[in-house]
Amino acid sequence: MDDERFDAKMTVLMENVRHHVEEEEQEWFPQVRSAMGRNQLVELGEELTAAKPGAPRDPLKVPSARE
């Protein structure tokens, strides 16, 4: 955080995340809703909720995060 470029890098990161979220919400999610339908989405949500307690809390402990 003491680096003089920290604020600029954080601004770019935040812009990238916002763009990604907007793209998901406006393009990908509607396509998934159309392709899957409500029942499948509810099922998927239930599966994800059930799997959440076993998910790693530290993203760097996920093997693919280190590759």
N, C-alpha and C. Protein backbone atom coordinates (compact mmCIF):
# COMPACT_ATOMS: atom_id res chain seq x y z
N MET A 1 0.81 -1.20 0.00
CA MET A 1 0.00 0.00 0.00
C MET A 1 0.85 1.26 0.00
N ASP A 2 2.10 1.12 0.33
CA ASP A 2 2.96 2.29 0.37
C ASP A 2 3.53 2.64 -1.01
N ASP A 3 3.36 1.73 -1.96
CA ASP A 3 3.87 1.98 -3.31
C ASP A 3 3.12 3.16 -3.93
N GLU A 4 3.83 4.01 -4.61
CA GLU A 4 3.22 5.20 -5.22
C GLU A 4 2.21 4.83 -6.30
N ARG A 5 2.29 3.61 -6.84
CA ARG A 5 1.37 3.17 -7.89
C ARG A 5 0.14 2.44 -7.33
N PHE A 6 0.07 2.30 -6.03
CA PHE A 6 -1.00 1.52 -5.41
C PHE A 6 -2.39 2.04 -5.80
N ASP A 7 -2.63 3.33 -5.64
CA ASP A 7 -3.95 3.89 -5.94
C ASP A 7 -4.32 3.68 -7.40
N ALA A 8 -3.37 3.89 -8.29
CA ALA A 8 -3.66 3.71 -9.73
C ALA A 8 -3.98 2.24 -10.03
N LYS A 9 -3.22 1.33 -9.44
CA LYS A 9 -3.46 -0.09 -9.67
C LYS A 9 -4.81 -0.52 -9.09
N MET A 10 -5.16 -0.01 -7.93
CA MET A 10 -6.45 -0.34 -7.33
C MET A 10 -7.60 0.20 -8.19
N THR A 11 -7.42 1.37 -8.75
CA THR A 11 -8.45 1.95 -9.62
C THR A 11 -8.66 1.07 -10.84
N VAL A 12 -7.58 0.62 -11.45
CA VAL A 12 -7.69 -0.25 -12.61
C VAL A 12 -8.34 -1.58 -12.23
N LEU A 13 -7.94 -2.14 -11.11
CA LEU A 13 -8.54 -3.39 -10.65
C LEU A 13 -10.04 -3.22 -10.43
N MET A 14 -10.44 -2.16 -9.76
CA MET A 14 -11.86 -1.93 -9.51
C MET A 14 -12.64 -1.75 -10.81
N GLU A 15 -12.07 -1.05 -11.77
CA GLU A 15 -12.73 -0.88 -13.07
C GLU A 15 -12.89 -2.22 -13.78
N ASN A 16 -11.86 -3.05 -13.70
CA ASN A 16 -11.94 -4.37 -14.34
C ASN A 16 -13.00 -5.25 -13.69
N VAL A 17 -13.08 -5.22 -12.37
CA VAL A 17 -14.08 -6.02 -11.66
C VAL A 17 -15.48 -5.51 -12.00
N ARG A 18 -15.67 -4.21 -11.99
CA ARG A 18 -16.99 -3.65 -12.34
C ARG A 18 -17.40 -4.05 -13.75
N HIS A 19 -16.47 -3.98 -14.68
CA HIS A 19 -16.77 -4.36 -16.07
C HIS A 19 -17.16 -5.84 -16.14
N HIS A 20 -16.43 -6.67 -15.43
CA HIS A 20 -16.70 -8.11 -15.42
C HIS A 20 -18.09 -8.38 -14.84
N VAL A 21 -18.43 -7.74 -13.74
CA VAL A 21 -19.74 -7.93 -13.11
C VAL A 21 -20.85 -7.48 -14.06
N GLU A 22 -20.67 -6.35 -14.68
CA GLU A 22 -21.67 -5.84 -15.62
C GLU A 22 -21.86 -6.81 -16.79
N GLU A 23 -20.77 -7.33 -17.30
CA GLU A 23 -20.84 -8.29 -18.40
C GLU A 23 -21.60 -9.55 -17.98
N GLU A 24 -21.31 -10.05 -16.79
CA GLU A 24 -22.02 -11.23 -16.29
C GLU A 24 -23.51 -10.95 -16.14
N GLU A 25 -23.84 -9.84 -15.49
CA GLU A 25 -25.24 -9.54 -15.20
C GLU A 25 -26.05 -9.25 -16.46
N GLN A 26 -25.46 -8.59 -17.44
CA GLN A 26 -26.23 -8.17 -18.61
C GLN A 26 -26.15 -9.14 -19.78
N GLU A 27 -25.10 -9.96 -19.84
CA GLU A 27 -24.96 -10.85 -20.99
C GLU A 27 -25.04 -12.32 -20.59
N TRP A 28 -24.20 -12.74 -19.66
CA TRP A 28 -24.10 -14.17 -19.35
C TRP A 28 -25.29 -14.69 -18.57
N PHE A 29 -25.69 -14.00 -17.51
CA PHE A 29 -26.78 -14.48 -16.67
C PHE A 29 -28.08 -14.65 -17.45
N PRO A 30 -28.48 -13.68 -18.29
CA PRO A 30 -29.71 -13.89 -19.07
C PRO A 30 -29.62 -15.11 -20.01
N GLN A 31 -28.45 -15.35 -20.57
CA GLN A 31 -28.27 -16.52 -21.44
C GLN A 31 -28.40 -17.82 -20.64
N VAL A 32 -27.83 -17.83 -19.45
CA VAL A 32 -27.92 -19.02 -18.59
C VAL A 32 -29.37 -19.25 -18.17
N ARG A 33 -30.07 -18.17 -17.80
CA ARG A 33 -31.48 -18.30 -17.41
C ARG A 33 -32.29 -18.89 -18.56
N SER A 34 -32.05 -18.43 -19.77
CA SER A 34 -32.78 -18.93 -20.94
C SER A 34 -32.47 -20.40 -21.20
N ALA A 35 -31.22 -20.75 -21.06
CA ALA A 35 -30.79 -22.11 -21.39
C ALA A 35 -31.21 -23.14 -20.34
N MET A 36 -31.22 -22.74 -19.07
CA MET A 36 -31.45 -23.70 -18.00
C MET A 36 -32.88 -23.73 -17.50
N GLY A 37 -33.52 -22.62 -17.41
CA GLY A 37 -34.86 -22.57 -16.84
C GLY A 37 -34.81 -22.50 -15.32
N ARG A 38 -35.94 -22.14 -14.73
CA ARG A 38 -36.01 -21.87 -13.30
C ARG A 38 -35.70 -23.10 -12.45
N ASN A 39 -36.27 -24.25 -12.77
CA ASN A 39 -36.07 -25.44 -11.94
C ASN A 39 -34.61 -25.85 -11.87
N GLN A 40 -33.93 -25.84 -13.00
CA GLN A 40 -32.50 -26.21 -13.01
C GLN A 40 -31.68 -25.20 -12.22
N LEU A 41 -32.02 -23.93 -12.34
CA LEU A 41 -31.29 -22.90 -11.60
C LEU A 41 -31.49 -23.06 -10.09
N VAL A 42 -32.71 -23.39 -9.69
CA VAL A 42 -32.98 -23.61 -8.26
C VAL A 42 -32.17 -24.81 -7.77
N GLU A 43 -32.15 -25.89 -8.56
CA GLU A 43 -31.35 -27.07 -8.20
C GLU A 43 -29.88 -26.72 -8.07
N LEU A 44 -29.37 -25.99 -9.03
CA LEU A 44 -27.96 -25.59 -9.00
C LEU A 44 -27.67 -24.75 -7.76
N GLY A 45 -28.55 -23.82 -7.44
CA GLY A 45 -28.38 -23.00 -6.25
C GLY A 45 -28.34 -23.84 -4.99
N GLU A 46 -29.20 -24.85 -4.92
CA GLU A 46 -29.22 -25.74 -3.75
C GLU A 46 -27.92 -26.54 -3.65
N GLU A 47 -27.42 -27.00 -4.80
CA GLU A 47 -26.15 -27.74 -4.80
C GLU A 47 -24.99 -26.85 -4.34
N LEU A 48 -24.97 -25.62 -4.82
CA LEU A 48 -23.90 -24.70 -4.42
C LEU A 48 -23.99 -24.36 -2.93
N THR A 49 -25.19 -24.17 -2.44
CA THR A 49 -25.37 -23.89 -1.01
C THR A 49 -24.89 -25.06 -0.17
N ALA A 50 -25.19 -26.28 -0.61
CA ALA A 50 -24.76 -27.48 0.13
C ALA A 50 -23.24 -27.64 0.10
N ALA A 51 -22.61 -27.24 -1.01
CA ALA A 51 -21.16 -27.41 -1.15
C ALA A 51 -20.37 -26.31 -0.44
N LYS A 52 -21.01 -25.19 -0.15
CA LYS A 52 -20.31 -24.04 0.41
C LYS A 52 -19.54 -24.33 1.70
N PRO A 53 -20.12 -25.07 2.67
CA PRO A 53 -19.36 -25.32 3.90
C PRO A 53 -18.03 -26.05 3.68
N GLY A 54 -17.93 -26.84 2.62
CA GLY A 54 -16.69 -27.58 2.35
C GLY A 54 -15.71 -26.84 1.45
N ALA A 55 -16.11 -25.66 0.99
CA ALA A 55 -15.25 -24.91 0.08
C ALA A 55 -14.09 -24.28 0.85
N PRO A 56 -12.90 -24.18 0.23
CA PRO A 56 -11.77 -23.55 0.91
C PRO A 56 -12.05 -22.08 1.17
N ARG A 57 -11.63 -21.61 2.32
CA ARG A 57 -11.82 -20.20 2.67
C ARG A 57 -10.67 -19.33 2.18
N ASP A 58 -9.52 -19.94 1.98
CA ASP A 58 -8.35 -19.20 1.50
C ASP A 58 -8.14 -19.52 0.02
N PRO A 59 -8.39 -18.56 -0.86
CA PRO A 59 -8.28 -18.84 -2.29
C PRO A 59 -6.89 -19.32 -2.71
N LEU A 60 -5.86 -18.95 -1.96
CA LEU A 60 -4.52 -19.37 -2.33
C LEU A 60 -4.24 -20.83 -1.97
N LYS A 61 -5.15 -21.46 -1.22
CA LYS A 61 -5.00 -22.88 -0.91
C LYS A 61 -5.61 -23.76 -2.00
N VAL A 62 -6.27 -23.17 -2.96
CA VAL A 62 -6.80 -23.91 -4.10
C VAL A 62 -5.64 -24.18 -5.03
N PRO A 63 -5.38 -25.46 -5.35
CA PRO A 63 -4.19 -25.81 -6.16
C PRO A 63 -4.05 -24.96 -7.44
N SER A 64 -5.11 -24.68 -8.15
CA SER A 64 -5.00 -23.94 -9.40
C SER A 64 -4.59 -22.48 -9.18
N ALA A 65 -4.72 -21.96 -7.96
CA ALA A 65 -4.36 -20.58 -7.68
C ALA A 65 -2.83 -20.39 -7.72
N ARG A 66 -2.10 -21.44 -7.56
CA ARG A 66 -0.63 -21.33 -7.51
C ARG A 66 0.01 -21.60 -8.88
N GLU A 67 -0.75 -22.03 -9.84
CA GLU A 67 -0.18 -22.39 -11.16
C GLU A 67 0.00 -21.20 -12.04
